[in-house]
PDB file of N, CA and C in Angstrom:
ATOM      1  N   MET A   1       0.825  -1.191   0.000  1.00  0.00           N
ATOM      2  CA  MET A   1       0.000   0.000   0.000  1.00  0.00           C
ATOM      3  C   MET A   1       0.871   1.257   0.000  1.00  0.00           C
ATOM      4  N   GLU A   2       2.052   1.207   0.639  1.00  0.00           N
ATOM      5  CA  GLU A   2       2.931   2.370   0.640  1.00  0.00           C
ATOM      6  C   GLU A   2       3.452   2.680  -0.754  1.00  0.00           C
ATOM      7  N   ARG A   3       3.687   1.631  -1.567  1.00  0.00           N
ATOM      8  CA  ARG A   3       4.192   1.834  -2.927  1.00  0.00           C
ATOM      9  C   ARG A   3       3.096   2.311  -3.866  1.00  0.00           C
ATOM     10  N   THR A   4       1.851   2.057  -3.535  1.00  0.00           N
ATOM     11  CA  THR A   4       0.736   2.420  -4.405  1.00  0.00           C
ATOM     12  C   THR A   4      -0.290   3.184  -3.589  1.00  0.00           C
ATOM     13  N   PRO A   5      -0.130   4.493  -3.493  1.00  0.00           N
ATOM     14  CA  PRO A   5      -1.073   5.280  -2.693  1.00  0.00           C
ATOM     15  C   PRO A   5      -2.464   5.325  -3.322  1.00  0.00           C
ATOM     16  N   HIS A   6      -3.431   5.725  -2.541  1.00  0.00           N
ATOM     17  CA  HIS A   6      -4.811   5.848  -2.981  1.00  0.00           C
ATOM     18  C   HIS A   6      -4.900   6.756  -4.209  1.00  0.00           C
ATOM     19  N   THR A   7      -5.738   6.382  -5.163  1.00  0.00           N
ATOM     20  CA  THR A   7      -5.918   7.160  -6.391  1.00  0.00           C
ATOM     21  C   THR A   7      -7.298   7.806  -6.384  1.00  0.00           C
ATOM     22  N   GLU A   8      -7.328   9.084  -6.664  1.00  0.00           N
ATOM     23  CA  GLU A   8      -8.601   9.796  -6.780  1.00  0.00           C
ATOM     24  C   GLU A   8      -9.267   9.420  -8.098  1.00  0.00           C
ATOM     25  N   LEU A   9     -10.569   9.650  -8.219  1.00  0.00           N
ATOM     26  CA  LEU A   9     -11.336   9.245  -9.386  1.00  0.00           C
ATOM     27  C   LEU A   9     -10.762   9.814 -10.680  1.00  0.00           C
ATOM     28  N   ALA A  10     -10.429  11.074 -10.715  1.00  0.00           N
ATOM     29  CA  ALA A  10      -9.916  11.690 -11.950  1.00  0.00           C
ATOM     30  C   ALA A  10      -8.637  10.991 -12.412  1.00  0.00           C
ATOM     31  N   GLU A  11      -7.741  10.700 -11.488  1.00  0.00           N
ATOM     32  CA  GLU A  11      -6.500  10.025 -11.843  1.00  0.00           C
ATOM     33  C   GLU A  11      -6.778   8.584 -12.275  1.00  0.00           C
ATOM     34  N   PHE A  12      -7.709   7.927 -11.601  1.00  0.00           N
ATOM     35  CA  PHE A  12      -8.088   6.565 -11.977  1.00  0.00           C
ATOM     36  C   PHE A  12      -8.610   6.539 -13.409  1.00  0.00           C
ATOM     37  N   LEU A  13      -9.482   7.480 -13.763  1.00  0.00           N
ATOM     38  CA  LEU A  13     -10.024   7.531 -15.125  1.00  0.00           C
ATOM     39  C   LEU A  13      -8.918   7.810 -16.148  1.00  0.00           C
ATOM     40  N   GLU A  14      -7.983   8.672 -15.793  1.00  0.00           N
ATOM     41  CA  GLU A  14      -6.857   8.972 -16.682  1.00  0.00           C
ATOM     42  C   GLU A  14      -5.995   7.719 -16.895  1.00  0.00           C
ATOM     43  N   GLN A  15      -5.713   7.006 -15.808  1.00  0.00           N
ATOM     44  CA  GLN A  15      -4.906   5.790 -15.905  1.00  0.00           C
ATOM     45  C   GLN A  15      -5.634   4.700 -16.692  1.00  0.00           C
ATOM     46  N   THR A  16      -6.943   4.607 -16.518  1.00  0.00           N
ATOM     47  CA  THR A  16      -7.721   3.628 -17.275  1.00  0.00           C
ATOM     48  C   THR A  16      -7.669   3.951 -18.765  1.00  0.00           C
ATOM     49  N   GLY A  17      -7.779   5.231 -19.109  1.00  0.00           N
ATOM     50  CA  GLY A  17      -7.662   5.640 -20.503  1.00  0.00           C
ATOM     51  C   GLY A  17      -6.297   5.303 -21.078  1.00  0.00           C
ATOM     52  N   ALA A  18      -5.258   5.533 -20.298  1.00  0.00           N
ATOM     53  CA  ALA A  18      -3.898   5.203 -20.746  1.00  0.00           C
ATOM     54  C   ALA A  18      -3.773   3.702 -20.976  1.00  0.00           C
ATOM     55  N   ARG A  19      -4.321   2.892 -20.062  1.00  0.00           N
ATOM     56  CA  ARG A  19      -4.264   1.435 -20.204  1.00  0.00           C
ATOM     57  C   ARG A  19      -5.001   0.987 -21.461  1.00  0.00           C
ATOM     58  N   LEU A  20      -6.163   1.565 -21.727  1.00  0.00           N
ATOM     59  CA  LEU A  20      -6.909   1.197 -22.930  1.00  0.00           C
ATOM     60  C   LEU A  20      -6.130   1.559 -24.197  1.00  0.00           C
ATOM     61  N   GLY A  21      -5.423   2.697 -24.172  1.00  0.00           N
ATOM     62  CA  GLY A  21      -4.583   3.077 -25.300  1.00  0.00           C
ATOM     63  C   GLY A  21      -3.451   2.089 -25.510  1.00  0.00           C
ATOM     64  N   ILE A  22      -2.831   1.642 -24.412  1.00  0.00           N
ATOM     65  CA  ILE A  22      -1.762   0.647 -24.500  1.00  0.00           C
ATOM     66  C   ILE A  22      -2.317  -0.665 -25.030  1.00  0.00           C
ATOM     67  N   GLN A  23      -3.505  -1.067 -24.572  1.00  0.00           N
ATOM     68  CA  GLN A  23      -4.141  -2.290 -25.075  1.00  0.00           C
ATOM     69  C   GLN A  23      -4.369  -2.203 -26.579  1.00  0.00           C
ATOM     70  N   ARG A  24      -4.850  -1.064 -27.054  1.00  0.00           N
ATOM     71  CA  ARG A  24      -5.117  -0.878 -28.488  1.00  0.00           C
ATOM     72  C   ARG A  24      -3.808  -0.979 -29.281  1.00  0.00           C
ATOM     73  N   ASP A  25      -2.769  -0.294 -28.810  1.00  0.00           N
ATOM     74  CA  ASP A  25      -1.476  -0.329 -29.499  1.00  0.00           C
ATOM     75  C   ASP A  25      -0.885  -1.736 -29.505  1.00  0.00           C
ATOM     76  N   TRP A  26      -1.029  -2.442 -28.386  1.00  0.00           N
ATOM     77  CA  TRP A  26      -0.524  -3.812 -28.294  1.00  0.00           C
ATOM     78  C   TRP A  26      -1.260  -4.723 -29.277  1.00  0.00           C
ATOM     79  N   ALA A  27      -2.574  -4.565 -29.392  1.00  0.00           N
ATOM     80  CA  ALA A  27      -3.358  -5.379 -30.327  1.00  0.00           C
ATOM     81  C   ALA A  27      -2.910  -5.114 -31.766  1.00  0.00           C
ATOM     82  N   LYS A  28      -2.662  -3.862 -32.113  1.00  0.00           N
ATOM     83  CA  LYS A  28      -2.167  -3.528 -33.459  1.00  0.00           C
ATOM     84  C   LYS A  28      -0.807  -4.165 -33.703  1.00  0.00           C
ATOM     85  N   PHE A  29       0.066  -4.108 -32.706  1.00  0.00           N
ATOM     86  CA  PHE A  29       1.394  -4.704 -32.819  1.00  0.00           C
ATOM     87  C   PHE A  29       1.288  -6.203 -33.071  1.00  0.00           C
ATOM     88  N   LEU A  30       0.439  -6.883 -32.297  1.00  0.00           N
ATOM     89  CA  LEU A  30       0.302  -8.330 -32.436  1.00  0.00           C
ATOM     90  C   LEU A  30      -0.370  -8.723 -33.749  1.00  0.00           C
ATOM     91  N   ASP A  31      -1.140  -7.817 -34.368  1.00  0.00           N
ATOM     92  CA  ASP A  31      -1.688  -8.092 -35.696  1.00  0.00           C
ATOM     93  C   ASP A  31      -0.565  -8.209 -36.721  1.00  0.00           C
ATOM     94  N   SER A  32       0.503  -7.449 -36.520  1.00  0.00           N
ATOM     95  CA  SER A  32       1.630  -7.456 -37.455  1.00  0.00           C
ATOM     96  C   SER A  32       2.696  -8.484 -37.105  1.00  0.00           C
ATOM     97  N   TYR A  33       2.845  -8.795 -35.823  1.00  0.00           N
ATOM     98  CA  TYR A  33       3.946  -9.644 -35.370  1.00  0.00           C
ATOM     99  C   TYR A  33       3.487 -10.733 -34.404  1.00  0.00           C
ATOM    100  N   PRO A  34       2.558 -11.610 -34.808  1.00  0.00           N
ATOM    101  CA  PRO A  34       2.171 -12.688 -33.888  1.00  0.00           C
ATOM    102  C   PRO A  34       3.117 -13.868 -34.059  1.00  0.00           C
ATOM    103  N   PRO A  35       3.396 -14.645 -33.072  1.00  0.00           N
ATOM    104  CA  PRO A  35       3.377 -14.298 -31.658  1.00  0.00           C
ATOM    105  C   PRO A  35       4.663 -13.557 -31.292  1.00  0.00           C
ATOM    106  N   LEU A  36       4.683 -12.987 -30.139  1.00  0.00           N
ATOM    107  CA  LEU A  36       5.853 -12.288 -29.624  1.00  0.00           C
ATOM    108  C   LEU A  36       6.574 -13.218 -28.662  1.00  0.00           C
ATOM    109  N   LEU A  37       7.851 -13.430 -28.908  1.00  0.00           N
ATOM    110  CA  LEU A  37       8.662 -14.264 -28.013  1.00  0.00           C
ATOM    111  C   LEU A  37       9.690 -13.388 -27.316  1.00  0.00           C
ATOM    112  N   GLY A  38       9.905 -13.646 -26.066  1.00  0.00           N
ATOM    113  CA  GLY A  38      10.900 -12.892 -25.310  1.00  0.00           C
ATOM    114  C   GLY A  38      11.275 -13.645 -24.065  1.00  0.00           C
ATOM    115  N   THR A  39      12.288 -13.148 -23.399  1.00  0.00           N
ATOM    116  CA  THR A  39      12.709 -13.806 -22.169  1.00  0.00           C
ATOM    117  C   THR A  39      11.731 -13.474 -21.046  1.00  0.00           C
ATOM    118  N   THR A  40      11.528 -14.414 -20.164  1.00  0.00           N
ATOM    119  CA  THR A  40      10.698 -14.170 -19.001  1.00  0.00           C
ATOM    120  C   THR A  40      11.363 -13.155 -18.098  1.00  0.00           C
ATOM    121  N   CYS A  41      12.657 -13.283 -17.962  1.00  0.00           N
ATOM    122  CA  CYS A  41      13.441 -12.392 -17.102  1.00  0.00           C
ATOM    123  C   CYS A  41      14.702 -12.010 -17.863  1.00  0.00           C
ATOM    124  N   PRO A  42      14.799 -10.773 -18.381  1.00  0.00           N
ATOM    125  CA  PRO A  42      15.934 -10.397 -19.223  1.00  0.00           C
ATOM    126  C   PRO A  42      17.234 -10.127 -18.475  1.00  0.00           C
ATOM    127  N   GLN A  43      17.280 -10.430 -17.218  1.00  0.00           N
ATOM    128  CA  GLN A  43      18.521 -10.267 -16.454  1.00  0.00           C
ATOM    129  C   GLN A  43      18.692 -11.487 -15.567  1.00  0.00           C
ATOM    130  N   PRO A  44      19.918 -11.770 -15.170  1.00  0.00           N
ATOM    131  CA  PRO A  44      20.127 -12.932 -14.303  1.00  0.00           C
ATOM    132  C   PRO A  44      19.326 -12.808 -13.005  1.00  0.00           C
ATOM    133  N   VAL A  45      18.725 -13.899 -12.612  1.00  0.00           N
ATOM    134  CA  VAL A  45      17.965 -13.917 -11.369  1.00  0.00           C
ATOM    135  C   VAL A  45      18.897 -14.351 -10.254  1.00  0.00           C
ATOM    136  N   PRO A  46      18.922 -13.628  -9.150  1.00  0.00           N
ATOM    137  CA  PRO A  46      19.799 -14.046  -8.058  1.00  0.00           C
ATOM    138  C   PRO A  46      19.315 -15.343  -7.434  1.00  0.00           C
ATOM    139  N   GLY A  47      20.207 -15.993  -6.715  1.00  0.00           N
ATOM    140  CA  GLY A  47      19.819 -17.205  -6.011  1.00  0.00           C
ATOM    141  C   GLY A  47      18.759 -16.900  -4.972  1.00  0.00           C
ATOM    142  N   ALA A  48      18.056 -17.922  -4.535  1.00  0.00           N
ATOM    143  CA  ALA A  48      16.968 -17.740  -3.571  1.00  0.00           C
ATOM    144  C   ALA A  48      17.442 -17.031  -2.304  1.00  0.00           C
ATOM    145  N   ASP A  49      18.707 -17.245  -1.931  1.00  0.00           N
ATOM    146  CA  ASP A  49      19.216 -16.593  -0.729  1.00  0.00           C
ATOM    147  C   ASP A  49      19.492 -15.106  -0.947  1.00  0.00           C
ATOM    148  N   LEU A  50      19.476 -14.638  -2.207  1.00  0.00           N
ATOM    149  CA  LEU A  50      19.760 -13.238  -2.510  1.00  0.00           C
ATOM    150  C   LEU A  50      18.536 -12.470  -2.992  1.00  0.00           C
ATOM    151  N   LEU A  51      17.389 -13.119  -3.032  1.00  0.00           N
ATOM    152  CA  LEU A  51      16.181 -12.429  -3.487  1.00  0.00           C
ATOM    153  C   LEU A  51      15.836 -11.302  -2.527  1.00  0.00           C
ATOM    154  N   PRO A  52      15.218 -10.231  -3.047  1.00  0.00           N
ATOM    155  CA  PRO A  52      14.934  -9.087  -2.186  1.00  0.00           C
ATOM    156  C   PRO A  52      13.892  -9.402  -1.126  1.00  0.00           C
ATOM    157  N   ASP A  53      14.003  -8.691  -0.049  1.00  0.00           N
ATOM    158  CA  ASP A  53      13.001  -8.747   1.005  1.00  0.00           C
ATOM    159  C   ASP A  53      11.763  -8.048   0.459  1.00  0.00           C
ATOM    160  N   ASP A  54      10.620  -8.696   0.466  1.00  0.00           N
ATOM    161  CA  ASP A  54       9.403  -8.133  -0.122  1.00  0.00           C
ATOM    162  C   ASP A  54       9.010  -6.794   0.493  1.00  0.00           C
ATOM    163  N   THR A  55       9.479  -6.513   1.693  1.00  0.00           N
ATOM    164  CA  THR A  55       9.112  -5.253   2.344  1.00  0.00           C
ATOM    165  C   THR A  55      10.105  -4.138   2.034  1.00  0.00           C
ATOM    166  N   ASP A  56      11.196  -4.443   1.349  1.00  0.00           N
ATOM    167  CA  ASP A  56      12.224  -3.466   1.022  1.00  0.00           C
ATOM    168  C   ASP A  56      11.893  -2.824  -0.327  1.00  0.00           C
ATOM    169  N   ALA A  57      11.494  -1.567  -0.328  1.00  0.00           N
ATOM    170  CA  ALA A  57      11.063  -0.885  -1.558  1.00  0.00           C
ATOM    171  C   ALA A  57      12.183  -0.807  -2.584  1.00  0.00           C
ATOM    172  N   GLU A  58      13.414  -0.570  -2.156  1.00  0.00           N
ATOM    173  CA  GLU A  58      14.534  -0.484  -3.097  1.00  0.00           C
ATOM    174  C   GLU A  58      14.796  -1.826  -3.768  1.00  0.00           C
ATOM    175  N   SER A  59      14.778  -2.900  -3.010  1.00  0.00           N
ATOM    176  CA  SER A  59      14.988  -4.230  -3.575  1.00  0.00           C
ATOM    177  C   SER A  59      13.866  -4.577  -4.548  1.00  0.00           C
ATOM    178  N   HIS A  60      12.661  -4.252  -4.157  1.00  0.00           N
ATOM    179  CA  HIS A  60      11.517  -4.519  -5.025  1.00  0.00           C
ATOM    180  C   HIS A  60      11.662  -3.754  -6.338  1.00  0.00           C
ATOM    181  N   ALA A  61      12.050  -2.488  -6.280  1.00  0.00           N
ATOM    182  CA  ALA A  61      12.212  -1.658  -7.474  1.00  0.00           C
ATOM    183  C   ALA A  61      13.317  -2.205  -8.382  1.00  0.00           C
ATOM    184  N   ARG A  62      14.387  -2.770  -7.810  1.00  0.00           N
ATOM    185  CA  ARG A  62      15.464  -3.353  -8.619  1.00  0.00           C
ATOM    186  C   ARG A  62      15.000  -4.598  -9.352  1.00  0.00           C
ATOM    187  N   MET A  63      14.099  -5.370  -8.760  1.00  0.00           N
ATOM    188  CA  MET A  63      13.654  -6.623  -9.372  1.00  0.00           C
ATOM    189  C   MET A  63      12.506  -6.436 -10.366  1.00  0.00           C
ATOM    190  N   MET A  64      11.760  -5.345 -10.289  1.00  0.00           N
ATOM    191  CA  MET A  64      10.594  -5.157 -11.164  1.00  0.00           C
ATOM    192  C   MET A  64      10.942  -5.173 -12.655  1.00  0.00           C
ATOM    193  N   PRO A  65      12.030  -4.536 -13.113  1.00  0.00           N
ATOM    194  CA  PRO A  65      12.332  -4.587 -14.546  1.00  0.00           C
ATOM    195  C   PRO A  65      12.578  -6.004 -15.061  1.00  0.00           C
ATOM    196  N   ALA A  66      12.969  -6.914 -14.179  1.00  0.00           N
ATOM    197  CA  ALA A  66      13.237  -8.287 -14.593  1.00  0.00           C
ATOM    198  C   ALA A  66      11.995  -8.964 -15.155  1.00  0.00           C
ATOM    199  N   GLY A  67      10.833  -8.594 -14.691  1.00  0.00           N
ATOM    200  CA  GLY A  67       9.590  -9.206 -15.162  1.00  0.00           C
ATOM    201  C   GLY A  67       8.783  -8.306 -16.075  1.00  0.00           C
ATOM    202  N   ALA A  68       9.448  -7.385 -16.777  1.00  0.00           N
ATOM    203  CA  ALA A  68       8.739  -6.380 -17.576  1.00  0.00           C
ATOM    204  C   ALA A  68       7.817  -6.995 -18.619  1.00  0.00           C
ATOM    205  N   LEU A  69       8.284  -8.012 -19.359  1.00  0.00           N
ATOM    206  CA  LEU A  69       7.436  -8.602 -20.396  1.00  0.00           C
ATOM    207  C   LEU A  69       6.228  -9.289 -19.778  1.00  0.00           C
ATOM    208  N   CYS A  70       6.422  -9.956 -18.654  1.00  0.00           N
ATOM    209  CA  CYS A  70       5.291 -10.593 -17.969  1.00  0.00           C
ATOM    210  C   CYS A  70       4.303  -9.541 -17.468  1.00  0.00           C
ATOM    211  N   THR A  71       4.829  -8.424 -16.984  1.00  0.00           N
ATOM    212  CA  THR A  71       3.974  -7.367 -16.459  1.00  0.00           C
ATOM    213  C   THR A  71       3.137  -6.736 -17.553  1.00  0.00           C
ATOM    214  N   VAL A  72       3.749  -6.423 -18.695  1.00  0.00           N
ATOM    215  CA  VAL A  72       3.012  -5.743 -19.763  1.00  0.00           C
ATOM    216  C   VAL A  72       1.942  -6.656 -20.360  1.00  0.00           C
ATOM    217  N   THR A  73       2.218  -7.944 -20.493  1.00  0.00           N
ATOM    218  CA  THR A  73       1.186  -8.826 -21.031  1.00  0.00           C
ATOM    219  C   THR A  73       0.000  -8.928 -20.074  1.00  0.00           C
ATOM    220  N   SER A  74       0.273  -8.903 -18.788  1.00  0.00           N
ATOM    221  CA  SER A  74      -0.816  -8.901 -17.809  1.00  0.00           C
ATOM    222  C   SER A  74      -1.597  -7.590 -17.867  1.00  0.00           C
ATOM    223  N   LEU A  75      -0.879  -6.475 -18.015  1.00  0.00           N
ATOM    224  CA  LEU A  75      -1.520  -5.164 -18.072  1.00  0.00           C
ATOM    225  C   LEU A  75      -2.501  -5.069 -19.232  1.00  0.00           C
ATOM    226  N   VAL A  76      -2.112  -5.568 -20.396  1.00  0.00           N
ATOM    227  CA  VAL A  76      -2.965  -5.418 -21.578  1.00  0.00           C
ATOM    228  C   VAL A  76      -3.909  -6.592 -21.785  1.00  0.00           C
ATOM    229  N   GLY A  77      -3.770  -7.625 -20.969  1.00  0.00           N
ATOM    230  CA  GLY A  77      -4.725  -8.726 -21.003  1.00  0.00           C
ATOM    231  C   GLY A  77      -4.573  -9.685 -22.162  1.00  0.00           C
ATOM    232  N   VAL A  78      -3.359  -9.842 -22.689  1.00  0.00           N
ATOM    233  CA  VAL A  78      -3.163 -10.816 -23.761  1.00  0.00           C
ATOM    234  C   VAL A  78      -2.694 -12.139 -23.162  1.00  0.00           C
ATOM    235  N   PRO A  79      -3.021 -13.243 -23.817  1.00  0.00           N
ATOM    236  CA  PRO A  79      -2.557 -14.537 -23.313  1.00  0.00           C
ATOM    237  C   PRO A  79      -1.034 -14.596 -23.336  1.00  0.00           C
ATOM    238  N   ALA A  80      -0.447 -15.201 -22.341  1.00  0.00           N
ATOM    239  CA  ALA A  80       1.004 -15.340 -22.270  1.00  0.00           C
ATOM    240  C   ALA A  80       1.341 -16.634 -21.562  1.00  0.00           C
ATOM    241  N   VAL A  81       2.514 -17.158 -21.864  1.00  0.00           N
ATOM    242  CA  VAL A  81       2.965 -18.391 -21.234  1.00  0.00           C
ATOM    243  C   VAL A  81       4.468 -18.285 -21.012  1.00  0.00           C
ATOM    244  N   SER A  82       4.933 -18.855 -19.934  1.00  0.00           N
ATOM    245  CA  SER A  82       6.363 -18.944 -19.646  1.00  0.00           C
ATOM    246  C   SER A  82       6.754 -20.404 -19.783  1.00  0.00           C
ATOM    247  N   VAL A  83       7.753 -20.672 -20.633  1.00  0.00           N
ATOM    248  CA  VAL A  83       8.150 -22.041 -20.945  1.00  0.00           C
ATOM    249  C   VAL A  83       9.542 -22.317 -20.381  1.00  0.00           C
ATOM    250  N   PRO A  84       9.692 -23.340 -19.551  1.00  0.00           N
ATOM    251  CA  PRO A  84      11.023 -23.676 -19.044  1.00  0.00           C
ATOM    252  C   PRO A  84      11.929 -24.091 -20.204  1.00  0.00           C
ATOM    253  N   THR A  85      13.162 -23.581 -20.214  1.00  0.00           N
ATOM    254  CA  THR A  85      14.088 -23.897 -21.303  1.00  0.00           C
ATOM    255  C   THR A  85      15.372 -24.544 -20.812  1.00  0.00           C
ATOM    256  N   GLY A  86      15.458 -24.867 -19.544  1.00  0.00           N
ATOM    257  CA  GLY A  86      16.649 -25.533 -19.036  1.00  0.00           C
ATOM    258  C   GLY A  86      17.235 -24.827 -17.837  1.00  0.00           C
ATOM    259  N   PHE A  87      18.497 -25.118 -17.566  1.00  0.00           N
ATOM    260  CA  PHE A  87      19.196 -24.554 -16.417  1.00  0.00           C
ATOM    261  C   PHE A  87      20.503 -23.919 -16.870  1.00  0.00           C
ATOM    262  N   ALA A  88      20.919 -22.880 -16.181  1.00  0.00           N
ATOM    263  CA  ALA A  88      22.231 -22.261 -16.365  1.00  0.00           C
ATOM    264  C   ALA A  88      22.760 -21.939 -14.978  1.00  0.00           C
ATOM    265  N   ASP A  89      23.945 -22.402 -14.679  1.00  0.00           N
ATOM    266  CA  ASP A  89      24.524 -22.208 -13.345  1.00  0.00           C
ATOM    267  C   ASP A  89      23.575 -22.670 -12.248  1.00  0.00           C
ATOM    268  N   ASP A  90      22.922 -23.809 -12.479  1.00  0.00           N
ATOM    269  CA  ASP A  90      21.984 -24.423 -11.529  1.00  0.00           C
ATOM    270  C   ASP A  90      20.734 -23.584 -11.260  1.00  0.00           C
ATOM    271  N   MET A  91      20.456 -22.605 -12.107  1.00  0.00           N
ATOM    272  CA  MET A  91      19.255 -21.783 -11.958  1.00  0.00           C
ATOM    273  C   MET A  91      18.337 -22.042 -13.153  1.00  0.00           C
ATOM    274  N   PRO A  92      17.017 -22.173 -12.932  1.00  0.00           N
ATOM    275  CA  PRO A  92      16.100 -22.419 -14.037  1.00  0.00           C
ATOM    276  C   PRO A  92      16.036 -21.217 -14.980  1.00  0.00           C
ATOM    277  N   GLN A  93      15.870 -21.506 -16.276  1.00  0.00           N
ATOM    278  CA  GLN A  93      15.741 -20.490 -17.304  1.00  0.00           C
ATOM    279  C   GLN A  93      14.393 -20.686 -17.986  1.00  0.00           C
ATOM    280  N   ALA A  94      13.852 -19.604 -18.592  1.00  0.00           N
ATOM    281  CA  ALA A  94      12.561 -19.713 -19.251  1.00  0.00           C
ATOM    282  C   ALA A  94      12.442 -18.637 -20.321  1.00  0.00           C
ATOM    283  N   SER A  95      11.506 -18.845 -21.242  1.00  0.00           N
ATOM    284  CA  SER A  95      11.151 -17.868 -22.255  1.00  0.00           C
ATOM    285  C   SER A  95       9.669 -17.610 -22.153  1.00  0.00           C
ATOM    286  N   SER A  96       9.244 -16.418 -22.606  1.00  0.00           N
ATOM    287  CA  SER A  96       7.831 -16.058 -22.590  1.00  0.00           C
ATOM    288  C   SER A  96       7.314 -15.909 -24.003  1.00  0.00           C
ATOM    289  N   SER A  97       6.042 -16.145 -24.163  1.00  0.00           N
ATOM    290  CA  SER A  97       5.394 -15.953 -25.452  1.00  0.00           C
ATOM    291  C   SER A  97       4.024 -15.360 -25.203  1.00  0.00           C
ATOM    292  N   SER A  98       3.628 -14.428 -26.051  1.00  0.00           N
ATOM    293  CA  SER A  98       2.261 -13.907 -25.979  1.00  0.00           C
ATOM    294  C   SER A  98       1.720 -13.845 -27.398  1.00  0.00           C
ATOM    295  N   ALA A  99       0.418 -13.981 -27.497  1.00  0.00           N
ATOM    296  CA  ALA A  99      -0.206 -13.960 -28.818  1.00  0.00           C
ATOM    297  C   ALA A  99      -1.546 -13.281 -28.733  1.00  0.00           C
TER     298      ALA A  99
END
């Protein structure tokens, strides 16, 4: 709740409009380039012992870009899947696809 303060109605409507615009642009993009393939996490994921403390805002902010493709597909409501592709340095690897 500290990271996401209360939103007034006017701001909520503005954000909803922005989201609908992003959804429209994403749909146009996918009409030209179906499906979209990308990494689930475009940066190395730290070991479980190094993952950020969920209550630490700085740690959370550092990890958020790692899931950018997963976040945007959820935001615009397109189907997406993460497919395991093996291991590197004993850590699982995966790719994402949306269509």
